[in-house]
């Protein structure tokens, strides 16, 4: 244990000497939560303001007084669009424009189907509320005119509506809000691996590049104690970074003046549940990084290898979301994917049992032991210890 503590302290001291790197990692982890939430708050506030304003841009208002009257009865503020509305929509200066052509009223009175253009650019997410408002108003106006035409002919409007759909959404507001905050699990997973990356690479490929690995192995220290000491330092840094990031989210959502009116709670209970998953995961990924970096003959080469792991980890949340992966027990057996599933369940307020924490912990432990065992065998090979080219 004395040898283990000596190695552990050595790695901590060596890593602290690179103050710029450590400061950058720590500051980034602390600021991640507040900055991301502030940006999300600003984005959501803009969308909310647009939705509440109920303003619709219209070109050719004089051609469609009936439609304009309907828009105004729905509480919308009708604004005349400029002549160059098409270019302004392309430039992002206008979100959506409803275009009425000459002869609109004549065709409407004749009972004909009238074409109305709606110009928009749905590649800009901030235009969503305006596009939705314009589309909703046009659809509502079309339904009203259809009902009036049927009534004028003595036909009940129910004839065209043979099926009445009653929507029953079984999801809770908290679950829907969790989809908006999916970046919390994503950044947590990424920080689990990036938090200890610098220390993991420096304690393996860095030692090898500097030529300090050979004299370190000549000391009367068991190889197991040496590896455990290095891994403990890596795990400590990674755990501190990810815990600071989670703490940043908690403090921001609890105490900072943001206007995200989301029916979701992310407080100290969630901090504890996230930590139970994040800390073992950070320790496991630290062991994985050490194993990969052991093959690197230089710090730069090891960084390249580590970037592949970071890419894989960062893609896991995206795969779970866009691949519509449903929660299942088998996911708990897959490193990172199981952690992401538990993070999302905690965020949505779904029930989590002992298995949601015990299984990922067991998987992380097994992977960590395997990685450290392989590292121990690699450090007994001359081409690993002395090879620098």
Protein backbone atom coordinates (compact mmCIF):
# COMPACT_ATOMS: atom_id res chain seq x y z
CA UNK A 1 0.00 0.00 0.00
CA UNK A 2 2.91 2.35 0.63
CA UNK A 3 4.15 1.79 -2.91
CA UNK A 4 0.64 2.31 -4.26
CA UNK A 5 0.27 5.61 -2.39
CA UNK A 6 3.69 6.74 -3.62
CA UNK A 7 2.79 6.08 -7.25
CA UNK A 8 -0.62 7.68 -6.78
CA UNK A 9 0.92 10.86 -5.32
CA UNK A 10 3.57 10.92 -8.05
CA UNK A 11 0.94 10.88 -10.80
CA UNK A 12 -1.08 13.59 -9.08
CA UNK A 13 1.98 15.81 -8.71
CA UNK A 14 3.07 15.20 -12.32
CA UNK A 15 -0.35 16.09 -13.65
CA UNK A 16 -0.69 19.19 -11.48
CA UNK A 17 2.57 20.54 -12.91
CA UNK A 18 0.79 21.02 -16.23
CA UNK A 19 -1.31 23.76 -14.70
CA UNK A 20 -2.70 25.13 -17.94
CA UNK A 21 -4.16 21.80 -19.02
CA UNK A 22 -5.62 21.02 -15.61
CA UNK A 23 -7.04 24.53 -15.22
CA UNK A 24 -8.63 24.36 -18.66
CA UNK A 25 -10.22 20.98 -17.91
CA UNK A 26 -11.54 22.07 -14.51
CA UNK A 27 -12.86 25.43 -15.70
CA UNK A 28 -14.48 23.84 -18.75
CA UNK A 29 -16.20 21.22 -16.61
CA UNK A 30 -17.52 23.86 -14.19
CA UNK A 31 -18.78 26.17 -16.94
CA UNK A 32 -20.26 23.48 -19.18
CA UNK A 33 -23.57 23.28 -17.33
CA UNK A 34 -24.26 27.00 -16.91
CA UNK A 35 -23.18 27.92 -20.45
CA UNK A 36 -25.18 25.20 -22.18
CA UNK A 37 -28.28 25.89 -20.10
CA UNK A 38 -28.00 29.63 -20.68
CA UNK A 39 -27.80 29.09 -24.44
CA UNK A 40 -30.77 26.73 -24.31
CA UNK A 41 -32.66 29.26 -22.19
CA UNK A 42 -32.01 32.00 -24.76
CA UNK A 43 -33.07 29.75 -27.63
CA UNK A 44 -36.29 28.59 -25.95
CA UNK A 45 -37.13 32.16 -24.86
CA UNK A 46 -36.91 33.37 -28.48
CA UNK A 47 -39.17 30.57 -29.68
CA UNK A 48 -41.65 31.27 -26.87
CA UNK A 49 -41.74 34.98 -27.65
CA UNK A 50 -42.44 34.26 -31.31
CA UNK A 51 -45.17 31.77 -30.47
CA UNK A 52 -46.85 34.17 -28.05
CA UNK A 53 -46.62 37.15 -30.42
CA UNK A 54 -48.85 35.42 -33.05
CA UNK A 55 -47.66 37.62 -35.89
CA UNK A 56 -48.16 36.49 -39.47
CA UNK A 57 -46.59 38.10 -42.52
CA UNK A 58 -48.97 38.35 -45.50
CA UNK A 59 -48.38 39.39 -49.09
CA UNK A 60 -51.42 40.43 -51.11
CA UNK A 61 -53.66 41.26 -48.17
CA UNK A 62 -55.99 43.25 -50.44
CA UNK A 63 -56.79 40.09 -52.42
CA UNK A 64 -58.10 38.07 -49.43
CA UNK A 65 -60.12 40.15 -46.96
CA UNK A 66 -62.06 37.03 -45.87
CA UNK A 67 -58.90 35.18 -44.91
CA UNK A 68 -57.46 38.26 -43.19
CA UNK A 69 -60.66 38.56 -41.17
CA UNK A 70 -60.32 34.93 -40.08
CA UNK A 71 -56.68 35.44 -39.07
CA UNK A 72 -57.61 38.43 -36.95
CA UNK A 73 -60.52 36.56 -35.33
CA UNK A 74 -57.99 33.95 -34.24
CA UNK A 75 -56.02 36.64 -32.41
CA UNK A 76 -53.22 36.90 -34.96
CA UNK A 77 -51.60 40.19 -35.85
CA UNK A 78 -51.48 40.47 -39.64
CA UNK A 79 -48.47 42.34 -41.02
CA UNK A 80 -47.99 43.33 -44.65
CA UNK A 81 -44.92 41.58 -46.06
CA UNK A 82 -42.41 43.63 -48.10
CA UNK A 83 -42.21 43.23 -51.86
CA UNK A 84 -38.86 41.40 -51.63
CA UNK A 85 -40.24 38.88 -49.11
CA UNK A 86 -38.75 35.90 -50.98
CA UNK A 87 -35.20 37.20 -50.61
CA UNK A 88 -35.80 38.17 -46.99
CA UNK A 89 -36.98 34.65 -46.19
CA UNK A 90 -33.83 33.25 -47.82
CA UNK A 91 -31.71 35.68 -45.80
CA UNK A 92 -33.41 34.68 -42.57
CA UNK A 93 -34.95 38.12 -41.99
CA UNK A 94 -38.49 36.74 -42.30
CA UNK A 95 -39.66 33.37 -41.03
CA UNK A 96 -42.79 32.70 -43.09
CA UNK A 97 -44.96 34.64 -45.52
CA UNK A 98 -48.50 33.78 -46.66
CA UNK A 99 -49.07 34.87 -50.27
CA UNK A 100 -52.55 35.57 -51.66
CA UNK A 101 -52.86 36.05 -55.42
CA UNK A 102 -55.30 38.25 -57.32
CA UNK A 103 -58.70 36.62 -57.82
CA UNK A 104 -58.60 34.80 -54.49
CA UNK A 105 -62.00 36.13 -53.34
CA UNK A 106 -63.68 35.45 -56.71
CA UNK A 107 -62.58 31.82 -56.72
CA UNK A 108 -63.57 31.46 -53.06
CA UNK A 109 -67.10 32.75 -53.74
CA UNK A 110 -67.36 30.47 -56.77
CA UNK A 111 -66.77 27.46 -54.53
CA UNK A 112 -63.53 26.55 -56.23
CA UNK A 113 -60.37 25.27 -54.63
CA UNK A 114 -58.04 28.24 -54.18
CA UNK A 115 -54.26 27.97 -54.16
CA UNK A 116 -52.38 29.88 -51.43
CA UNK A 117 -48.61 30.00 -51.22
CA UNK A 118 -46.66 29.84 -48.00
CA UNK A 119 -43.03 30.79 -48.33
CA UNK A 120 -40.65 29.67 -45.57
CA UNK A 121 -37.26 28.15 -44.76
CA UNK A 122 -37.65 25.25 -42.34
CA UNK A 123 -33.89 24.67 -42.15
CA UNK A 124 -33.80 27.41 -39.50
CA UNK A 125 -35.14 26.05 -36.21
CA UNK A 126 -36.01 29.52 -34.92
CA UNK A 127 -38.54 29.88 -37.74
CA UNK A 128 -40.59 26.94 -36.45
CA UNK A 129 -43.18 28.89 -34.41
CA UNK A 130 -43.93 31.34 -37.24
CA UNK A 131 -44.22 28.54 -39.79
CA UNK A 132 -46.50 26.58 -37.48
CA UNK A 133 -48.71 29.61 -36.85
CA UNK A 134 -49.10 30.41 -40.56
CA UNK A 135 -49.85 26.77 -41.41
CA UNK A 136 -52.35 26.50 -38.55
CA UNK A 137 -54.19 29.66 -39.64
CA UNK A 138 -54.41 28.51 -43.26
CA UNK A 139 -55.64 25.06 -42.27
CA UNK A 140 -58.21 26.60 -39.92
CA UNK A 141 -59.44 28.96 -42.60
CA UNK A 142 -59.74 26.08 -45.06
CA UNK A 143 -61.76 24.01 -42.61
CA UNK A 144 -64.10 26.93 -41.86
CA UNK A 145 -64.75 27.57 -45.55
CA UNK A 146 -65.39 23.88 -46.12
CA UNK A 147 -67.93 23.78 -43.31
CA UNK A 148 -69.68 26.90 -44.63
CA UNK A 149 -69.93 25.42 -48.14
CA UNK A 150 -71.48 22.20 -46.82
CA UNK A 151 -73.96 24.08 -44.65
CA UNK A 152 -74.96 26.28 -47.60
CA UNK A 153 -75.88 23.09 -49.48
CA UNK A 154 -77.80 21.64 -46.54
CA UNK A 155 -75.18 19.00 -45.81
CA UNK A 156 -73.99 18.30 -42.30
CA UNK A 157 -70.24 18.96 -41.86
CA UNK A 158 -70.02 15.65 -39.97
CA UNK A 159 -70.39 13.83 -43.30
CA UNK A 160 -66.77 14.61 -44.17
CA UNK A 161 -65.56 13.73 -40.72
CA UNK A 162 -66.54 10.07 -40.36
CA UNK A 163 -63.88 9.35 -37.73
CA UNK A 164 -63.28 11.50 -34.68
CA UNK A 165 -59.77 11.06 -33.35
CA UNK A 166 -59.26 11.52 -29.64
CA UNK A 167 -55.56 11.91 -28.85
CA UNK A 168 -54.38 10.32 -25.63
CA UNK A 169 -50.72 11.10 -24.93
CA UNK A 170 -49.44 8.76 -22.22
CA UNK A 171 -46.12 10.56 -21.89
CA UNK A 172 -45.72 12.93 -18.98
CA UNK A 173 -44.62 16.58 -19.34
CA UNK A 174 -41.47 15.61 -17.48
CA UNK A 175 -40.65 12.93 -20.05
CA UNK A 176 -41.19 15.34 -22.94
CA UNK A 177 -39.02 17.95 -21.25
CA UNK A 178 -36.27 15.39 -20.79
CA UNK A 179 -35.95 15.08 -24.57
CA UNK A 180 -35.05 18.76 -24.70
CA UNK A 181 -32.33 18.28 -22.07
CA UNK A 182 -30.75 15.25 -23.74
CA UNK A 183 -27.44 17.13 -23.81
CA UNK A 184 -27.02 16.62 -20.04
CA UNK A 185 -26.40 12.86 -20.40
CA UNK A 186 -24.39 13.48 -23.58
CA UNK A 187 -21.97 15.97 -22.01
CA UNK A 188 -21.74 13.81 -18.89
CA UNK A 189 -20.65 10.83 -20.98
CA UNK A 190 -18.12 12.87 -22.93
CA UNK A 191 -16.62 14.39 -19.79
CA UNK A 192 -16.34 10.91 -18.27
CA UNK A 193 -13.68 10.19 -20.87
CA UNK A 194 -12.14 13.60 -21.54
CA UNK A 195 -11.77 14.45 -17.84
CA UNK A 196 -8.96 11.95 -17.27
CA UNK A 197 -7.62 11.76 -20.81
CA UNK A 198 -4.62 14.05 -20.32
CA UNK A 199 -3.50 12.23 -17.17
CA UNK A 200 -4.07 8.79 -18.73
CA UNK A 201 -1.98 9.60 -21.78
CA UNK A 202 0.79 11.33 -19.82
CA UNK A 203 1.11 8.46 -17.34
CA UNK A 204 1.56 5.91 -20.13
CA UNK A 205 2.60 7.22 -23.56
CA UNK A 206 4.07 10.34 -21.96
CA UNK A 207 6.29 8.29 -19.65
CA UNK A 208 7.31 6.13 -22.59
CA UNK A 209 8.18 9.12 -24.80
CA UNK A 210 10.21 10.84 -22.05
CA UNK A 211 12.09 7.64 -21.29
CA UNK A 212 11.02 7.76 -17.64
CA UNK A 213 9.09 4.50 -17.81
CA UNK A 214 12.20 2.28 -17.64
CA UNK A 215 13.65 3.75 -14.42
CA UNK A 216 10.18 3.76 -12.90
CA UNK A 217 9.84 0.03 -13.55
CA UNK A 218 13.31 -0.58 -12.01
CA UNK A 219 12.05 0.58 -8.61
CA UNK A 220 11.18 -2.11 -6.07
CA UNK A 221 7.47 -1.72 -6.74
CA UNK A 222 5.11 -4.44 -7.85
CA UNK A 223 3.79 -3.88 -11.33
CA UNK A 224 0.25 -4.26 -10.02
CA UNK A 225 0.77 -1.45 -7.50
CA UNK A 226 2.33 0.72 -10.18
CA UNK A 227 -0.60 0.31 -12.55
CA UNK A 228 -3.21 0.72 -9.80
CA UNK A 229 -1.51 3.91 -8.62
CA UNK A 230 -1.56 5.40 -12.12
CA UNK A 231 -5.14 4.30 -12.75
CA UNK A 232 -6.32 5.73 -9.42
CA UNK A 233 -4.92 9.14 -10.33
CA UNK A 234 -6.61 9.01 -13.74
CA UNK A 235 -9.90 7.95 -12.16
CA UNK A 236 -9.70 10.71 -9.57
CA UNK A 237 -9.25 13.44 -12.17
CA UNK A 238 -11.97 12.04 -14.43
CA UNK A 239 -14.41 11.70 -11.52
CA UNK A 240 -13.77 15.22 -10.26
CA UNK A 241 -14.32 16.69 -13.71
CA UNK A 242 -17.60 14.89 -14.35
CA UNK A 243 -18.90 15.58 -10.82
CA UNK A 244 -18.16 19.27 -11.26
CA UNK A 245 -20.07 19.26 -14.55
CA UNK A 246 -23.12 17.58 -13.00
CA UNK A 247 -22.90 19.99 -10.08
CA UNK A 248 -22.91 22.86 -12.57
CA UNK A 249 -26.19 21.64 -14.05
CA UNK A 250 -27.76 21.25 -10.61
CA UNK A 251 -26.73 24.71 -9.38
CA UNK A 252 -27.80 26.34 -12.64
CA UNK A 253 -31.26 24.77 -12.69
CA UNK A 254 -31.83 25.34 -8.98
CA UNK A 255 -30.44 28.79 -8.33
CA UNK A 256 -29.57 30.70 -11.50
CA UNK A 257 -32.17 33.08 -13.02
CA UNK A 258 -33.14 31.13 -16.14
CA UNK A 259 -36.64 31.09 -17.60
CA UNK A 260 -36.83 27.52 -18.79
CA UNK A 261 -40.39 26.64 -17.83
CA UNK A 262 -39.79 22.92 -18.00
CA UNK A 263 -41.65 20.49 -15.72
CA UNK A 264 -38.43 18.76 -14.79
CA UNK A 265 -36.44 18.54 -11.61
CA UNK A 266 -32.68 18.15 -11.62
CA UNK A 267 -31.60 18.62 -8.04
CA UNK A 268 -29.49 16.92 -5.43
CA UNK A 269 -31.27 13.58 -5.77
CA UNK A 270 -30.52 13.49 -9.49
CA UNK A 271 -26.95 14.56 -8.73
CA UNK A 272 -26.53 11.51 -6.51
CA UNK A 273 -28.09 9.12 -9.02
CA UNK A 274 -25.99 10.50 -11.89
CA UNK A 275 -22.86 10.19 -9.75
CA UNK A 276 -23.52 6.52 -9.00
CA UNK A 277 -23.28 5.83 -12.72
CA UNK A 278 -20.79 8.49 -13.82
CA UNK A 279 -17.96 7.77 -11.34
CA UNK A 280 -17.60 4.03 -12.16
CA UNK A 281 -17.92 4.84 -15.85
CA UNK A 282 -15.20 7.51 -15.62
CA UNK A 283 -12.93 5.03 -13.84
CA UNK A 284 -13.59 2.39 -16.51
CA UNK A 285 -12.96 4.79 -19.39
CA UNK A 286 -9.78 5.90 -17.66
CA UNK A 287 -8.56 2.30 -17.76
CA UNK A 288 -9.56 2.03 -21.43
CA UNK A 289 -7.63 5.20 -22.26
CA UNK A 290 -4.57 3.95 -20.38
CA UNK A 291 -4.68 0.69 -22.33
CA UNK A 292 -4.97 2.45 -25.67
CA UNK A 293 -2.31 5.02 -24.77
CA UNK A 294 0.09 2.23 -23.76
CA UNK A 295 0.39 1.36 -27.43
CA UNK A 296 1.29 4.95 -28.28
CA UNK A 297 4.98 5.62 -28.74
CA UNK A 298 4.43 9.33 -28.19
CA UNK A 299 1.91 11.61 -26.51
CA UNK A 300 0.64 12.80 -29.88
CA UNK A 301 0.13 9.28 -31.20
CA UNK A 302 -1.77 8.31 -28.05
CA UNK A 303 -4.00 11.37 -28.44
CA UNK A 304 -4.94 10.16 -31.90
CA UNK A 305 -5.92 6.76 -30.54
CA UNK A 306 -7.90 8.38 -27.72
CA UNK A 307 -9.84 10.56 -30.16
CA UNK A 308 -11.34 7.42 -31.69
CA UNK A 309 -12.69 6.36 -28.29
CA UNK A 310 -14.11 9.84 -27.66
CA UNK A 311 -15.87 9.71 -31.04
CA UNK A 312 -17.47 6.38 -30.23
CA UNK A 313 -18.61 7.56 -26.79
CA UNK A 314 -20.07 10.81 -28.17
CA UNK A 315 -22.06 8.90 -30.81
CA UNK A 316 -23.82 6.65 -28.28
CA UNK A 317 -26.47 9.21 -27.18
CA UNK A 318 -27.15 10.13 -30.80
CA UNK A 319 -27.62 6.46 -31.72
CA UNK A 320 -30.01 5.99 -28.80
CA UNK A 321 -32.09 9.02 -29.81
CA UNK A 322 -32.16 8.83 -33.60
CA UNK A 323 -32.15 5.04 -33.66
CA UNK A 324 -35.25 4.99 -31.43
CA UNK A 325 -33.61 2.47 -29.11
CA UNK A 326 -36.12 1.42 -26.46
CA UNK A 327 -35.07 0.87 -22.86
CA UNK A 328 -34.20 -2.78 -22.31
CA UNK A 329 -32.16 -4.79 -19.84
CA UNK A 330 -29.57 -5.77 -22.45
CA UNK A 331 -28.50 -2.12 -22.73
CA UNK A 332 -27.24 -2.23 -19.15
CA UNK A 333 -24.72 -4.85 -20.26
CA UNK A 334 -23.25 -2.51 -22.90
CA UNK A 335 -20.71 0.02 -21.55
CA UNK A 336 -21.73 3.67 -22.11
CA UNK A 337 -25.08 2.71 -23.69
CA UNK A 338 -26.34 1.40 -20.35
CA UNK A 339 -25.14 4.55 -18.58
CA UNK A 340 -26.92 6.72 -21.14
CA UNK A 341 -30.13 4.75 -20.62
CA UNK A 342 -30.00 5.23 -16.84
CA UNK A 343 -29.18 8.93 -17.21
CA UNK A 344 -32.24 9.44 -19.43
CA UNK A 345 -34.49 7.46 -17.07
CA UNK A 346 -33.40 9.63 -14.15
CA UNK A 347 -33.93 12.76 -16.25
CA UNK A 348 -37.42 11.64 -17.31
CA UNK A 349 -38.38 10.71 -13.79
CA UNK A 350 -38.88 7.03 -14.70
CA UNK A 351 -38.49 4.35 -12.06
CA UNK A 352 -34.95 3.11 -11.54
CA UNK A 353 -34.18 -0.02 -9.58
CA UNK A 354 -31.11 -1.60 -8.06
CA UNK A 355 -30.31 -3.36 -11.32
CA UNK A 356 -29.94 -0.04 -13.13
CA UNK A 357 -26.92 0.73 -10.96
CA UNK A 358 -25.60 -2.73 -10.04
CA UNK A 359 -25.32 -4.03 -13.62
CA UNK A 360 -23.40 -1.01 -15.04
CA UNK A 361 -21.15 -1.09 -11.97
CA UNK A 362 -20.41 -4.78 -12.52
CA UNK A 363 -19.76 -4.21 -16.24
CA UNK A 364 -17.47 -1.24 -15.50
CA UNK A 365 -15.58 -3.31 -12.93
CA UNK A 366 -15.07 -6.22 -15.34
CA UNK A 367 -13.89 -3.95 -18.17
CA UNK A 368 -11.55 -2.09 -15.81
CA UNK A 369 -9.99 -5.30 -14.49
CA UNK A 370 -9.50 -6.61 -18.03
CA UNK A 371 -7.86 -3.38 -19.19
CA UNK A 372 -5.52 -3.16 -16.21
CA UNK A 373 -4.57 -6.83 -16.61
CA UNK A 374 -3.73 -6.31 -20.27
CA UNK A 375 -1.68 -3.21 -19.39
CA UNK A 376 0.23 -5.27 -16.83
CA UNK A 377 1.12 -7.83 -19.49
CA UNK A 378 2.07 -5.17 -22.03
CA UNK A 379 4.49 -3.50 -19.63
CA UNK A 380 6.39 -6.78 -19.39
CA UNK A 381 7.22 -6.58 -23.09
CA UNK A 382 10.44 -4.89 -24.17
CA UNK A 383 8.94 -3.46 -27.37
CA UNK A 384 6.39 -1.58 -25.27
CA UNK A 385 8.78 -0.29 -22.60
CA UNK A 386 11.73 0.59 -24.84
CA UNK A 387 10.09 1.11 -28.21
CA UNK A 388 9.92 4.80 -29.18
CA UNK A 389 10.02 4.61 -32.95
